[in-house]
Amino acid sequence: MDDMLKIGEKLRKLRVANDLTQEELAHRAGLTKGYISQLERDLTYPSIITLKDILDVLGTDLASFFKEDGRERVVFRKEDRQKIEGRGVEFLVPGSGRRVMEPVLVSLEPGEKTPPDAPHEGEEFGFVLKGTIKLWLETEEQKLRKGECFYFRANRRHWVENVGRTMAQILWVVSPPTF
């Protein structure tokens, strides 16, 4: 569902299209208005049985509700990002692991390094947004500062380290996805 609207937003659009108030939908589905309000704001998620009851009132079924409409999502907001705790990595595009390239934001504290990545197929690009880093390709090292970038085939062991005194951030794009 990461490439689609959130469940709550889809439910709200269906409710409005059916010319129902939250209260009317709640009554017909045997729920409370407060619960419908929470669903539409994605503050809670329904069980499959509850979702089926709501969709019955709205004149659709589970398969149709979750079916993609063919529109490609092209804009991703800050709240769409997914962080990997303890690794300083944020996935900028949800589901990018199923795409041709995978953009991530890598944040490193002073002295911190990314884990060495074993050689693999593909290419990698990085743009230094903040700080000063050192890029390692096997035993070869290159120092990069804010505004500079790197691009290499990923067929060598590689990693980066923050060699500056402040946090470093890198917009890193990998193709095919490996993060």
Protein backbone atom coordinates (compact mmCIF):
# COMPACT_ATOMS: atom_id res chain seq x y z
CA MET A 1 0.00 0.00 0.00
CA ASP A 2 3.05 2.25 0.16
CA ASP A 3 2.55 3.51 -3.42
CA MET A 4 -1.15 4.13 -2.86
CA LEU A 5 -3.18 6.55 -0.78
CA LYS A 6 -3.36 5.75 2.88
CA ILE A 7 -6.35 3.63 3.99
CA GLY A 8 -7.95 6.53 5.86
CA GLU A 9 -7.74 8.90 2.92
CA LYS A 10 -9.22 6.29 0.59
CA LEU A 11 -12.07 5.61 3.03
CA ARG A 12 -12.81 9.32 3.36
CA LYS A 13 -12.91 9.77 -0.43
CA LEU A 14 -15.27 6.79 -0.77
CA ARG A 15 -17.51 8.09 2.02
CA VAL A 16 -17.73 11.55 0.43
CA ALA A 17 -18.36 10.00 -3.02
CA ASN A 18 -21.28 8.09 -1.43
CA ASP A 19 -22.60 11.37 0.05
CA LEU A 20 -22.42 10.04 3.61
CA THR A 21 -21.42 11.83 6.80
CA GLN A 22 -19.07 10.11 9.22
CA GLU A 23 -22.05 9.62 11.51
CA GLU A 24 -24.17 7.97 8.78
CA LEU A 25 -21.35 5.63 7.78
CA ALA A 26 -20.67 4.73 11.40
CA HIS A 27 -24.35 3.98 12.06
CA ARG A 28 -24.72 1.80 8.94
CA ALA A 29 -21.51 -0.12 9.68
CA GLY A 30 -22.30 -0.55 13.39
CA LEU A 31 -19.40 1.63 14.53
CA THR A 32 -18.96 4.98 16.26
CA LYS A 33 -18.43 8.33 14.56
CA GLY A 34 -15.21 8.74 16.58
CA TYR A 35 -13.83 5.47 15.23
CA ILE A 36 -14.59 6.50 11.62
CA SER A 37 -12.88 9.84 12.28
CA GLN A 38 -9.78 8.06 13.63
CA LEU A 39 -9.72 5.73 10.60
CA GLU A 40 -9.92 8.60 8.15
CA ARG A 41 -6.99 10.34 9.87
CA ASP A 42 -4.96 7.10 9.89
CA LEU A 43 -4.79 7.20 13.69
CA THR A 44 -6.01 3.60 13.82
CA TYR A 45 -6.40 0.76 11.36
CA PRO A 46 -9.40 -1.54 11.03
CA SER A 47 -9.42 -5.31 11.21
CA ILE A 48 -10.23 -7.00 7.91
CA ILE A 49 -13.75 -7.82 9.16
CA THR A 50 -14.39 -4.19 10.17
CA LEU A 51 -12.96 -2.89 6.89
CA LYS A 52 -15.21 -5.32 4.98
CA ASP A 53 -18.26 -4.03 6.92
CA ILE A 54 -17.36 -0.43 6.05
CA LEU A 55 -16.73 -1.26 2.40
CA ASP A 56 -20.08 -3.09 2.18
CA VAL A 57 -21.79 0.15 3.23
CA LEU A 58 -19.70 2.08 0.68
CA GLY A 59 -20.64 -0.34 -2.11
CA THR A 60 -17.26 -1.87 -2.81
CA ASP A 61 -15.19 -4.91 -1.80
CA LEU A 62 -11.68 -5.51 -0.45
CA ALA A 63 -10.17 -6.41 -3.84
CA SER A 64 -11.48 -3.25 -5.50
CA PHE A 65 -10.45 -1.10 -2.53
CA PHE A 66 -6.83 -2.24 -2.68
CA LYS A 67 -6.57 -2.42 -6.47
CA GLU A 68 -4.11 0.06 -7.90
CA ASP A 69 -5.66 2.65 -10.17
CA GLY A 70 -2.72 2.76 -12.56
CA ARG A 71 -1.56 6.22 -11.54
CA GLU A 72 2.13 6.40 -10.80
CA ARG A 73 3.00 8.14 -7.58
CA VAL A 74 5.64 10.76 -8.26
CA VAL A 75 5.73 12.94 -5.13
CA PHE A 76 6.91 11.70 -1.75
CA ARG A 77 6.67 13.83 1.36
CA LYS A 78 8.91 13.92 4.41
CA GLU A 79 6.34 11.91 6.39
CA ASP A 80 6.61 9.10 3.79
CA ARG A 81 10.22 8.41 4.74
CA GLN A 82 11.16 5.23 6.56
CA LYS A 83 14.09 5.31 8.99
CA ILE A 84 16.30 2.38 9.84
CA GLU A 85 17.05 2.83 13.54
CA GLY A 86 20.71 2.68 14.47
CA ARG A 87 21.95 2.89 10.87
CA GLY A 88 21.44 6.57 10.05
CA VAL A 89 19.58 5.63 6.87
CA GLU A 90 16.25 7.03 5.69
CA PHE A 91 14.47 5.54 2.69
CA LEU A 92 13.21 8.56 0.75
CA VAL A 93 10.81 6.62 -1.50
CA PRO A 94 8.74 3.89 0.19
CA GLY A 95 8.98 0.61 -1.72
CA SER A 96 12.07 1.73 -3.63
CA GLY A 97 13.56 -1.73 -3.14
CA ARG A 98 11.19 -2.87 -5.89
CA ARG A 99 12.31 -0.13 -8.29
CA VAL A 100 15.31 0.34 -10.56
CA MET A 101 17.09 2.68 -8.16
CA GLU A 102 16.93 3.29 -4.43
CA PRO A 103 17.45 6.81 -3.05
CA VAL A 104 18.34 7.09 0.64
CA LEU A 105 19.51 9.82 2.99
CA VAL A 106 22.54 8.71 5.00
CA SER A 107 23.38 10.69 8.16
CA LEU A 108 26.67 10.10 9.98
CA GLU A 109 27.89 11.60 13.24
CA PRO A 110 31.56 12.69 13.41
CA GLY A 111 33.80 9.60 13.22
CA GLU A 112 30.91 7.30 12.23
CA LYS A 113 31.20 4.97 9.21
CA THR A 114 28.76 3.01 7.13
CA PRO A 115 29.26 -0.75 7.29
CA PRO A 116 31.51 -1.92 4.44
CA ASP A 117 29.40 -3.07 1.52
CA ALA A 118 30.61 -6.17 -0.32
CA PRO A 119 31.10 -5.95 -4.09
CA HIS A 120 27.83 -6.33 -5.99
CA GLU A 121 26.27 -5.60 -9.35
CA GLY A 122 25.18 -2.07 -10.09
CA GLU A 123 26.19 1.52 -9.63
CA GLU A 124 26.10 4.02 -6.78
CA PHE A 125 25.85 7.78 -6.66
CA GLY A 126 26.21 10.06 -3.66
CA PHE A 127 25.87 13.81 -3.18
CA VAL A 128 27.25 15.33 0.02
CA LEU A 129 24.57 17.61 1.47
CA LYS A 130 26.41 18.43 4.73
CA GLY A 131 29.82 17.88 6.23
CA THR A 132 32.99 16.19 5.05
CA ILE A 133 33.28 12.49 4.27
CA LYS A 134 35.84 10.02 3.08
CA LEU A 135 34.76 7.54 0.41
CA TRP A 136 36.56 4.21 0.51
CA LEU A 137 36.75 1.90 -2.54
CA GLU A 138 38.81 -1.06 -1.32
CA THR A 139 42.02 0.73 -0.16
CA GLU A 140 41.52 3.84 -2.31
CA GLU A 141 40.15 6.86 -0.45
CA GLN A 142 38.69 10.17 -1.61
CA LYS A 143 37.73 13.11 0.59
CA LEU A 144 34.52 14.92 -0.34
CA ARG A 145 32.94 18.07 1.06
CA LYS A 146 29.47 19.60 0.93
CA GLY A 147 28.36 20.05 -2.68
CA GLU A 148 30.62 17.34 -4.10
CA CYS A 149 29.51 13.93 -5.34
CA PHE A 150 30.70 10.44 -6.20
CA TYR A 151 29.65 7.87 -8.78
CA PHE A 152 31.11 4.37 -9.08
CA ARG A 153 30.45 0.80 -10.16
CA ALA A 154 29.76 -1.21 -7.01
CA ASN A 155 32.07 -4.10 -7.95
CA ARG A 156 34.50 -3.22 -5.14
CA ARG A 157 34.13 -3.23 -1.36
CA HIS A 158 33.06 0.29 -0.37
CA TRP A 159 31.97 2.49 2.54
CA VAL A 160 32.02 6.10 3.68
CA GLU A 161 33.06 7.72 6.94
CA ASN A 162 32.43 11.13 8.42
CA VAL A 163 35.85 12.74 8.84
CA GLY A 164 34.46 16.16 9.78
CA ARG A 165 33.50 17.74 13.10
CA THR A 166 29.78 18.00 12.36
CA MET A 167 27.10 15.64 11.11
CA ALA A 168 27.50 14.57 7.49
CA GLN A 169 24.54 13.86 5.23
CA ILE A 170 24.65 12.17 1.86
CA LEU A 171 21.92 11.72 -0.69
CA TRP A 172 22.81 8.22 -1.88
CA VAL A 173 21.26 6.47 -4.88
CA VAL A 174 21.90 2.79 -5.58
CA SER A 175 20.93 0.85 -8.69
CA PRO A 176 19.80 -1.86 -8.36
CA PRO A 177 18.54 -1.42 -4.76
CA THR A 178 20.74 -2.97 -2.06
CA PHE A 179 20.13 -1.00 1.16
